[in-house]
């Protein structure tokens, strides 16, 4: 029967480092999946809450401000093209 040669300190440290890096890599991949699944779940819950509330009410004042801003922008563009 032959005996196996003893491992040196460097070999033991190297194996430990390799196994540690492998473990951290596997743990990281698993955690990516867990975080992704949790993010999707939270997004679905937020969407369900938003749909349960219904569409946000339209404020007439905000709508009128948007219309006036759009008209002002269009008028400025027309003035610029007419002056050219």
N, C-alpha and C. Protein backbone atom coordinates (compact mmCIF):
# COMPACT_ATOMS: atom_id res chain seq x y z
N UNK A 1 0.85 -1.17 0.00
CA UNK A 1 0.00 0.00 0.00
C UNK A 1 0.90 1.24 0.00
N UNK A 2 0.55 2.15 -0.92
CA UNK A 2 1.35 3.37 -0.99
C UNK A 2 0.65 4.47 -0.21
N UNK A 3 1.40 5.29 0.40
CA UNK A 3 0.83 6.41 1.15
C UNK A 3 0.82 7.64 0.28
N UNK A 4 -0.21 8.41 0.46
CA UNK A 4 -0.30 9.66 -0.29
C UNK A 4 0.67 10.68 0.28
N UNK A 5 1.24 11.49 -0.60
CA UNK A 5 2.16 12.51 -0.06
C UNK A 5 1.37 13.56 0.71
N UNK A 6 2.00 14.07 1.72
CA UNK A 6 1.34 15.10 2.54
C UNK A 6 1.25 16.40 1.75
N UNK A 7 0.16 17.11 1.97
CA UNK A 7 -0.04 18.40 1.30
C UNK A 7 0.75 19.48 2.03
N UNK A 8 1.29 20.38 1.25
CA UNK A 8 2.02 21.49 1.86
C UNK A 8 1.02 22.55 2.32
N UNK A 9 1.51 23.46 3.12
CA UNK A 9 0.67 24.55 3.61
C UNK A 9 0.11 25.36 2.43
N UNK A 10 0.94 25.58 1.43
CA UNK A 10 0.49 26.33 0.25
C UNK A 10 -0.65 25.63 -0.47
N UNK A 11 -0.56 24.30 -0.59
CA UNK A 11 -1.64 23.55 -1.23
C UNK A 11 -2.94 23.63 -0.43
N UNK A 12 -2.82 23.51 0.86
CA UNK A 12 -4.02 23.58 1.72
C UNK A 12 -4.65 24.96 1.62
N UNK A 13 -3.84 26.02 1.66
CA UNK A 13 -4.37 27.38 1.55
C UNK A 13 -5.01 27.60 0.18
N UNK A 14 -4.38 27.09 -0.86
CA UNK A 14 -4.91 27.25 -2.20
C UNK A 14 -6.26 26.54 -2.34
N UNK A 15 -6.35 25.33 -1.84
CA UNK A 15 -7.63 24.60 -1.90
C UNK A 15 -8.70 25.34 -1.11
N UNK A 16 -8.33 25.83 0.03
CA UNK A 16 -9.30 26.59 0.84
C UNK A 16 -9.79 27.83 0.11
N UNK A 17 -8.87 28.53 -0.53
CA UNK A 17 -9.26 29.72 -1.28
C UNK A 17 -10.17 29.38 -2.45
N UNK A 18 -9.83 28.32 -3.19
CA UNK A 18 -10.65 27.93 -4.33
C UNK A 18 -12.05 27.52 -3.89
N UNK A 19 -12.14 26.69 -2.83
CA UNK A 19 -13.46 26.28 -2.35
C UNK A 19 -14.25 27.47 -1.80
N UNK A 20 -13.58 28.40 -1.16
CA UNK A 20 -14.28 29.60 -0.66
C UNK A 20 -14.82 30.43 -1.80
N UNK A 21 -14.01 30.63 -2.83
CA UNK A 21 -14.48 31.41 -3.97
C UNK A 21 -15.63 30.71 -4.69
N UNK A 22 -15.57 29.39 -4.79
CA UNK A 22 -16.67 28.64 -5.38
C UNK A 22 -17.94 28.80 -4.56
N UNK A 23 -17.81 28.71 -3.25
CA UNK A 23 -18.97 28.87 -2.38
C UNK A 23 -19.58 30.26 -2.49
N UNK A 24 -18.75 31.28 -2.50
CA UNK A 24 -19.24 32.65 -2.62
C UNK A 24 -19.92 32.86 -3.98
N UNK A 25 -19.37 32.26 -5.02
CA UNK A 25 -19.97 32.39 -6.36
C UNK A 25 -21.34 31.74 -6.41
N UNK A 26 -21.46 30.54 -5.87
CA UNK A 26 -22.76 29.85 -5.85
C UNK A 26 -23.75 30.65 -5.01
N UNK A 27 -23.32 31.14 -3.85
CA UNK A 27 -24.19 31.94 -3.00
C UNK A 27 -24.65 33.20 -3.74
N UNK A 28 -23.76 33.84 -4.47
CA UNK A 28 -24.12 35.05 -5.21
C UNK A 28 -25.14 34.76 -6.29
N UNK A 29 -24.98 33.66 -7.00
CA UNK A 29 -25.93 33.31 -8.05
C UNK A 29 -27.30 33.04 -7.45
N UNK A 30 -27.33 32.31 -6.34
CA UNK A 30 -28.61 32.03 -5.67
C UNK A 30 -29.25 33.33 -5.22
N UNK A 31 -28.47 34.23 -4.66
CA UNK A 31 -29.03 35.50 -4.16
C UNK A 31 -29.54 36.37 -5.30
N UNK A 32 -28.90 36.31 -6.46
CA UNK A 32 -29.42 37.05 -7.62
C UNK A 32 -30.83 36.57 -7.93
N UNK A 33 -31.03 35.25 -7.93
CA UNK A 33 -32.35 34.70 -8.19
C UNK A 33 -33.36 35.10 -7.13
N UNK A 34 -32.96 35.08 -5.88
CA UNK A 34 -33.87 35.44 -4.78
C UNK A 34 -34.28 36.90 -4.88
N UNK A 35 -33.32 37.77 -5.11
CA UNK A 35 -33.62 39.20 -5.21
C UNK A 35 -34.50 39.48 -6.43
N UNK A 36 -34.22 38.82 -7.53
CA UNK A 36 -35.03 39.02 -8.74
C UNK A 36 -36.47 38.58 -8.50
N UNK A 37 -36.64 37.42 -7.88
CA UNK A 37 -37.99 36.93 -7.60
C UNK A 37 -38.72 37.87 -6.64
N UNK A 38 -38.02 38.37 -5.63
CA UNK A 38 -38.63 39.28 -4.66
C UNK A 38 -39.01 40.61 -5.32
N UNK A 39 -38.17 41.09 -6.23
CA UNK A 39 -38.46 42.34 -6.94
C UNK A 39 -39.70 42.18 -7.81
N UNK A 40 -39.79 41.06 -8.51
CA UNK A 40 -40.98 40.81 -9.34
C UNK A 40 -42.23 40.73 -8.48
N UNK A 41 -42.15 40.06 -7.32
CA UNK A 41 -43.30 39.94 -6.43
C UNK A 41 -43.75 41.31 -5.94
N UNK A 42 -42.79 42.13 -5.54
CA UNK A 42 -43.12 43.47 -5.04
C UNK A 42 -43.73 44.32 -6.15
N UNK A 43 -43.22 44.18 -7.37
CA UNK A 43 -43.78 44.92 -8.49
C UNK A 43 -45.20 44.50 -8.80
N UNK A 44 -45.46 43.19 -8.76
CA UNK A 44 -46.83 42.71 -9.00
C UNK A 44 -47.79 43.21 -7.93
N UNK A 45 -47.33 43.21 -6.66
CA UNK A 45 -48.18 43.72 -5.58
C UNK A 45 -48.46 45.21 -5.76
N UNK A 46 -47.46 45.98 -6.13
CA UNK A 46 -47.65 47.41 -6.33
C UNK A 46 -48.62 47.66 -7.49
N UNK A 47 -48.48 46.88 -8.56
CA UNK A 47 -49.39 47.02 -9.70
C UNK A 47 -50.81 46.66 -9.30
N UNK A 48 -50.98 45.62 -8.51
CA UNK A 48 -52.32 45.22 -8.06
C UNK A 48 -52.93 46.30 -7.18
N UNK A 49 -52.12 46.89 -6.30
CA UNK A 49 -52.64 47.99 -5.46
C UNK A 49 -53.05 49.18 -6.30
N UNK A 50 -52.23 49.50 -7.30
CA UNK A 50 -52.53 50.64 -8.16
C UNK A 50 -53.80 50.39 -8.96
N UNK A 51 -53.96 49.18 -9.47
CA UNK A 51 -55.16 48.85 -10.24
C UNK A 51 -56.39 48.84 -9.35
N UNK A 52 -56.24 48.44 -8.09
CA UNK A 52 -57.38 48.43 -7.16
C UNK A 52 -57.85 49.85 -6.85
N UNK A 53 -56.92 50.80 -6.84
CA UNK A 53 -57.29 52.19 -6.56
C UNK A 53 -57.99 52.84 -7.75
N UNK A 54 -57.74 52.34 -8.93
CA UNK A 54 -58.31 52.94 -10.12
C UNK A 54 -57.42 54.04 -10.65
N UNK A 55 -57.84 54.64 -11.76
CA UNK A 55 -57.00 55.70 -12.34
C UNK A 55 -57.00 56.93 -11.44
N UNK A 56 -55.91 57.66 -11.45
CA UNK A 56 -55.85 58.86 -10.62
C UNK A 56 -56.82 59.92 -11.15
N UNK A 57 -57.41 60.69 -10.26
CA UNK A 57 -58.35 61.71 -10.72
C UNK A 57 -57.64 62.79 -11.53
N UNK A 58 -58.31 63.26 -12.55
CA UNK A 58 -57.76 64.31 -13.39
C UNK A 58 -58.19 65.65 -12.81
N UNK A 59 -57.21 66.48 -12.54
CA UNK A 59 -57.49 67.79 -11.98
C UNK A 59 -57.61 68.77 -13.14
N UNK A 60 -58.70 69.47 -13.19
CA UNK A 60 -58.97 70.38 -14.31
C UNK A 60 -57.91 71.47 -14.41
N UNK A 61 -57.44 71.94 -13.27
CA UNK A 61 -56.44 73.02 -13.28
C UNK A 61 -55.14 72.53 -13.93
N UNK A 62 -54.71 71.34 -13.57
CA UNK A 62 -53.50 70.78 -14.17
C UNK A 62 -53.68 70.57 -15.67
N UNK A 63 -54.84 70.10 -16.05
CA UNK A 63 -55.12 69.87 -17.47
C UNK A 63 -55.09 71.19 -18.24
N UNK A 64 -55.65 72.24 -17.65
CA UNK A 64 -55.67 73.55 -18.30
C UNK A 64 -54.25 74.10 -18.41
N UNK A 65 -53.43 73.90 -17.38
CA UNK A 65 -52.03 74.35 -17.43
C UNK A 65 -51.28 73.65 -18.55
N UNK A 66 -51.50 72.34 -18.70
CA UNK A 66 -50.84 71.59 -19.76
C UNK A 66 -51.26 72.10 -21.14
N UNK A 67 -52.53 72.39 -21.29
CA UNK A 67 -53.02 72.89 -22.58
C UNK A 67 -52.40 74.24 -22.89
N UNK A 68 -52.35 75.13 -21.90
CA UNK A 68 -51.79 76.45 -22.15
C UNK A 68 -50.29 76.38 -22.45
N UNK A 69 -49.59 75.49 -21.76
CA UNK A 69 -48.17 75.33 -22.04
C UNK A 69 -47.94 74.76 -23.44
N UNK A 70 -48.77 73.81 -23.85
CA UNK A 70 -48.64 73.23 -25.18
C UNK A 70 -48.93 74.28 -26.25
N UNK A 71 -49.95 75.10 -26.03
CA UNK A 71 -50.28 76.14 -27.00
C UNK A 71 -49.16 77.18 -27.08
N UNK A 72 -48.56 77.52 -25.93
CA UNK A 72 -47.46 78.48 -25.93
C UNK A 72 -46.25 77.92 -26.67
N UNK A 73 -45.97 76.65 -26.49
CA UNK A 73 -44.85 76.03 -27.19
C UNK A 73 -45.09 76.00 -28.69
N UNK A 74 -46.30 75.68 -29.08
CA UNK A 74 -46.62 75.64 -30.51
C UNK A 74 -46.56 77.03 -31.12
N UNK A 75 -47.03 78.04 -30.38
CA UNK A 75 -46.98 79.40 -30.87
C UNK A 75 -45.53 79.88 -31.02
N UNK A 76 -44.69 79.52 -30.07
CA UNK A 76 -43.29 79.92 -30.16
C UNK A 76 -42.63 79.25 -31.36
N UNK A 77 -42.94 77.98 -31.62
CA UNK A 77 -42.37 77.29 -32.76
C UNK A 77 -42.87 77.91 -34.06
N UNK A 78 -44.16 78.29 -34.12
CA UNK A 78 -44.71 78.90 -35.34
C UNK A 78 -44.06 80.27 -35.58
N UNK A 79 -43.85 81.04 -34.50
CA UNK A 79 -43.22 82.35 -34.64
C UNK A 79 -41.79 82.20 -35.13
N UNK A 80 -41.11 81.19 -34.66
CA UNK A 80 -39.72 80.98 -35.09
C UNK A 80 -39.64 80.59 -36.55
N UNK A 81 -40.55 79.75 -37.00
CA UNK A 81 -40.52 79.31 -38.39
C UNK A 81 -41.01 80.43 -39.31
N UNK A 82 -41.91 81.27 -38.86
CA UNK A 82 -42.40 82.37 -39.69
C UNK A 82 -41.36 83.48 -39.84
N UNK A 83 -40.53 83.69 -38.80
CA UNK A 83 -39.51 84.74 -38.84
C UNK A 83 -38.30 84.32 -39.67
N UNK A 84 -38.16 83.06 -39.98
CA UNK A 84 -36.98 82.60 -40.72
C UNK A 84 -37.08 82.89 -42.17
